[in-house]
Amino acid sequence: MEAIAKYDFKATMDDELSFKQVDILKILSEECNQNWSKAEFNGKDGFISQNYIEMKPHPCFFGKTFQTDFGPVFWSFFPLILL
């Protein structure tokens, strides 16, 4: 998953990750607690405040409409999913 930074964040602890507004962060884990996630940016990883980010929408969904461009591998298994 990816997130877009809404604000600048300067790490104050060694295990935190600094970033700037509009940076794209790769979210590694949301299980830390309710307010912090583990993320990666520029080859470094650390904890980030969830208040400073906005999750990017997943490319398979557009609003409530399911995107149909999954490629031949997905569609070859699709009939099995319906069983």
N, C-alpha and C. Protein backbone atom coordinates (compact mmCIF):
# COMPACT_ATOMS: atom_id res chain seq x y z
N MET A 1 0.83 -1.17 0.00
CA MET A 1 0.00 0.00 0.00
C MET A 1 0.88 1.24 0.00
N GLU A 2 0.34 2.30 -0.52
CA GLU A 2 1.05 3.56 -0.55
C GLU A 2 0.21 4.67 0.07
N ALA A 3 0.92 5.67 0.57
CA ALA A 3 0.26 6.83 1.17
C ALA A 3 0.95 8.09 0.69
N ILE A 4 0.21 9.18 0.67
CA ILE A 4 0.73 10.49 0.30
C ILE A 4 0.84 11.32 1.57
N ALA A 5 1.99 11.96 1.76
CA ALA A 5 2.18 12.80 2.94
C ALA A 5 1.36 14.08 2.81
N LYS A 6 0.52 14.36 3.80
CA LYS A 6 -0.28 15.59 3.81
C LYS A 6 0.52 16.76 4.37
N TYR A 7 1.51 16.47 5.21
CA TYR A 7 2.30 17.50 5.87
C TYR A 7 3.75 17.01 5.99
N ASP A 8 4.67 17.92 6.26
CA ASP A 8 6.04 17.55 6.59
C ASP A 8 6.04 16.86 7.95
N PHE A 9 6.94 15.88 8.11
CA PHE A 9 7.10 15.21 9.40
C PHE A 9 8.59 15.04 9.65
N LYS A 10 9.07 15.58 10.76
CA LYS A 10 10.48 15.45 11.14
C LYS A 10 10.58 14.45 12.28
N ALA A 11 11.33 13.38 12.05
CA ALA A 11 11.50 12.35 13.06
C ALA A 11 12.16 12.94 14.31
N THR A 12 11.65 12.55 15.47
CA THR A 12 12.24 12.98 16.73
C THR A 12 12.87 11.81 17.48
N MET A 13 12.63 10.60 17.00
CA MET A 13 13.19 9.38 17.59
C MET A 13 13.91 8.61 16.48
N ASP A 14 14.85 7.74 16.87
CA ASP A 14 15.63 6.97 15.90
C ASP A 14 14.78 6.02 15.06
N ASP A 15 13.65 5.57 15.60
CA ASP A 15 12.82 4.60 14.87
C ASP A 15 11.72 5.26 14.04
N GLU A 16 11.71 6.59 13.97
CA GLU A 16 10.73 7.32 13.15
C GLU A 16 11.33 7.66 11.79
N LEU A 17 10.46 7.99 10.84
CA LEU A 17 10.85 8.27 9.46
C LEU A 17 10.44 9.69 9.09
N SER A 18 11.41 10.50 8.66
CA SER A 18 11.12 11.88 8.22
C SER A 18 10.65 11.87 6.77
N PHE A 19 9.75 12.82 6.44
CA PHE A 19 9.29 12.97 5.06
C PHE A 19 8.72 14.37 4.89
N LYS A 20 8.49 14.75 3.64
CA LYS A 20 7.95 16.07 3.31
C LYS A 20 6.56 15.91 2.70
N GLN A 21 5.80 16.99 2.71
CA GLN A 21 4.47 17.01 2.12
C GLN A 21 4.54 16.54 0.67
N VAL A 22 3.59 15.75 0.25
CA VAL A 22 3.40 15.13 -1.07
C VAL A 22 4.37 13.99 -1.38
N ASP A 23 5.27 13.62 -0.46
CA ASP A 23 6.10 12.43 -0.66
C ASP A 23 5.19 11.21 -0.70
N ILE A 24 5.58 10.20 -1.49
CA ILE A 24 4.84 8.94 -1.57
C ILE A 24 5.57 7.93 -0.68
N LEU A 25 4.87 7.39 0.29
CA LEU A 25 5.45 6.46 1.25
C LEU A 25 4.87 5.07 1.02
N LYS A 26 5.72 4.06 1.13
CA LYS A 26 5.25 2.67 1.05
C LYS A 26 4.92 2.21 2.47
N ILE A 27 3.67 1.84 2.70
CA ILE A 27 3.24 1.40 4.02
C ILE A 27 3.57 -0.08 4.17
N LEU A 28 4.39 -0.40 5.17
CA LEU A 28 4.81 -1.77 5.40
C LEU A 28 3.90 -2.49 6.38
N SER A 29 3.38 -1.77 7.36
CA SER A 29 2.52 -2.38 8.37
C SER A 29 1.67 -1.31 9.04
N GLU A 30 0.41 -1.63 9.26
CA GLU A 30 -0.49 -0.73 9.99
C GLU A 30 -0.81 -1.29 11.37
N GLU A 31 -0.11 -2.33 11.77
CA GLU A 31 -0.45 -3.04 12.99
C GLU A 31 0.26 -2.50 14.23
N CYS A 32 1.04 -1.44 14.10
CA CYS A 32 1.82 -0.93 15.23
C CYS A 32 0.90 -0.49 16.36
N ASN A 33 0.01 0.42 16.09
CA ASN A 33 -1.08 0.83 16.97
C ASN A 33 -2.01 1.71 16.16
N GLN A 34 -2.97 2.32 16.79
CA GLN A 34 -3.98 3.07 16.04
C GLN A 34 -3.43 4.33 15.37
N ASN A 35 -2.34 4.88 15.86
CA ASN A 35 -1.87 6.16 15.36
C ASN A 35 -0.58 6.09 14.55
N TRP A 36 0.09 4.95 14.53
CA TRP A 36 1.39 4.85 13.87
C TRP A 36 1.40 3.66 12.91
N SER A 37 2.12 3.85 11.81
CA SER A 37 2.34 2.78 10.83
C SER A 37 3.83 2.68 10.57
N LYS A 38 4.27 1.53 10.11
CA LYS A 38 5.65 1.36 9.68
C LYS A 38 5.66 1.62 8.18
N ALA A 39 6.61 2.45 7.72
CA ALA A 39 6.65 2.83 6.31
C ALA A 39 8.09 2.86 5.81
N GLU A 40 8.22 2.92 4.48
CA GLU A 40 9.52 3.01 3.82
C GLU A 40 9.51 4.21 2.88
N PHE A 41 10.64 4.94 2.87
CA PHE A 41 10.80 6.08 1.97
C PHE A 41 12.28 6.29 1.72
N ASN A 42 12.65 6.41 0.46
CA ASN A 42 14.05 6.63 0.06
C ASN A 42 15.00 5.59 0.65
N GLY A 43 14.58 4.33 0.67
CA GLY A 43 15.43 3.25 1.15
C GLY A 43 15.54 3.13 2.66
N LYS A 44 14.83 3.96 3.39
CA LYS A 44 14.84 3.89 4.85
C LYS A 44 13.45 3.52 5.33
N ASP A 45 13.38 2.87 6.50
CA ASP A 45 12.07 2.57 7.06
C ASP A 45 12.00 3.04 8.50
N GLY A 46 10.78 3.28 8.94
CA GLY A 46 10.55 3.74 10.30
C GLY A 46 9.07 3.99 10.52
N PHE A 47 8.76 4.45 11.71
CA PHE A 47 7.37 4.70 12.06
C PHE A 47 6.95 6.10 11.62
N ILE A 48 5.68 6.20 11.19
CA ILE A 48 5.11 7.48 10.78
C ILE A 48 3.76 7.66 11.45
N SER A 49 3.41 8.90 11.72
CA SER A 49 2.10 9.20 12.30
C SER A 49 1.04 9.12 11.20
N GLN A 50 -0.03 8.39 11.46
CA GLN A 50 -1.10 8.27 10.47
C GLN A 50 -1.84 9.58 10.27
N ASN A 51 -1.69 10.51 11.19
CA ASN A 51 -2.32 11.83 11.05
C ASN A 51 -1.67 12.66 9.95
N TYR A 52 -0.47 12.28 9.52
CA TYR A 52 0.28 13.05 8.53
C TYR A 52 0.16 12.48 7.12
N ILE A 53 -0.60 11.41 6.94
CA ILE A 53 -0.68 10.76 5.63
C ILE A 53 -2.12 10.56 5.20
N GLU A 54 -2.28 10.31 3.90
CA GLU A 54 -3.57 9.91 3.34
C GLU A 54 -3.30 8.70 2.46
N MET A 55 -4.01 7.63 2.70
CA MET A 55 -3.80 6.41 1.93
C MET A 55 -4.21 6.63 0.48
N LYS A 56 -3.38 6.13 -0.45
CA LYS A 56 -3.74 6.20 -1.87
C LYS A 56 -4.77 5.11 -2.14
N PRO A 57 -5.72 5.38 -3.03
CA PRO A 57 -6.70 4.35 -3.37
C PRO A 57 -6.02 3.17 -4.05
N HIS A 58 -6.52 1.99 -3.78
CA HIS A 58 -5.98 0.77 -4.38
C HIS A 58 -6.30 0.78 -5.87
N PRO A 59 -5.34 0.43 -6.74
CA PRO A 59 -5.58 0.50 -8.19
C PRO A 59 -6.65 -0.45 -8.71
N CYS A 60 -7.05 -1.45 -7.95
CA CYS A 60 -8.07 -2.39 -8.41
C CYS A 60 -9.48 -1.86 -8.23
N PHE A 61 -9.63 -0.77 -7.50
CA PHE A 61 -10.96 -0.22 -7.25
C PHE A 61 -11.00 1.24 -7.63
N PHE A 62 -12.14 1.67 -8.12
CA PHE A 62 -12.36 3.08 -8.42
C PHE A 62 -13.69 3.44 -7.80
N GLY A 63 -13.65 4.09 -6.64
CA GLY A 63 -14.88 4.34 -5.91
C GLY A 63 -15.49 3.02 -5.51
N LYS A 64 -16.75 2.81 -5.89
CA LYS A 64 -17.40 1.54 -5.61
C LYS A 64 -17.45 0.66 -6.85
N THR A 65 -16.76 1.08 -7.91
CA THR A 65 -16.75 0.33 -9.16
C THR A 65 -15.50 -0.52 -9.24
N PHE A 66 -15.68 -1.79 -9.50
CA PHE A 66 -14.57 -2.72 -9.61
C PHE A 66 -13.87 -2.54 -10.95
N GLN A 67 -12.56 -2.38 -10.95
CA GLN A 67 -11.80 -2.23 -12.20
C GLN A 67 -11.64 -3.60 -12.84
N THR A 68 -11.81 -3.69 -14.15
CA THR A 68 -11.79 -4.99 -14.82
C THR A 68 -10.48 -5.30 -15.52
N ASP A 69 -9.48 -4.46 -15.43
CA ASP A 69 -8.22 -4.69 -16.14
C ASP A 69 -7.24 -5.45 -15.25
N PHE A 70 -7.45 -6.75 -15.09
CA PHE A 70 -6.58 -7.56 -14.25
C PHE A 70 -5.62 -8.41 -15.07
N GLY A 71 -5.84 -8.55 -16.35
CA GLY A 71 -4.96 -9.34 -17.18
C GLY A 71 -5.44 -10.78 -17.30
N PRO A 72 -4.78 -11.54 -18.19
CA PRO A 72 -5.23 -12.89 -18.52
C PRO A 72 -5.13 -13.89 -17.37
N VAL A 73 -4.16 -13.74 -16.47
CA VAL A 73 -4.02 -14.71 -15.39
C VAL A 73 -5.24 -14.65 -14.47
N PHE A 74 -5.65 -13.45 -14.08
CA PHE A 74 -6.83 -13.32 -13.22
C PHE A 74 -8.06 -13.91 -13.89
N TRP A 75 -8.29 -13.54 -15.14
CA TRP A 75 -9.51 -13.98 -15.82
C TRP A 75 -9.51 -15.48 -16.09
N SER A 76 -8.34 -16.12 -16.15
CA SER A 76 -8.32 -17.57 -16.32
C SER A 76 -8.82 -18.28 -15.06
N PHE A 77 -8.66 -17.65 -13.89
CA PHE A 77 -9.13 -18.22 -12.63
C PHE A 77 -10.50 -17.70 -12.22
N PHE A 78 -11.00 -16.67 -12.86
CA PHE A 78 -12.26 -16.04 -12.47
C PHE A 78 -13.42 -17.03 -12.40
N PRO A 79 -13.58 -17.94 -13.38
CA PRO A 79 -14.70 -18.90 -13.27
C PRO A 79 -14.61 -19.75 -12.01
N LEU A 80 -13.40 -20.05 -11.53
CA LEU A 80 -13.25 -20.84 -10.31
C LEU A 80 -13.69 -20.05 -9.08
N ILE A 81 -13.52 -18.74 -9.12
CA ILE A 81 -13.91 -17.90 -8.00
C ILE A 81 -15.43 -17.91 -7.83
N LEU A 82 -16.14 -18.01 -8.93
CA LEU A 82 -17.60 -17.98 -8.89
C LEU A 82 -18.21 -19.28 -8.39
N LEU A 83 -17.45 -20.36 -8.39
CA LEU A 83 -17.99 -21.66 -7.96
C LEU A 83 -18.25 -21.74 -6.48
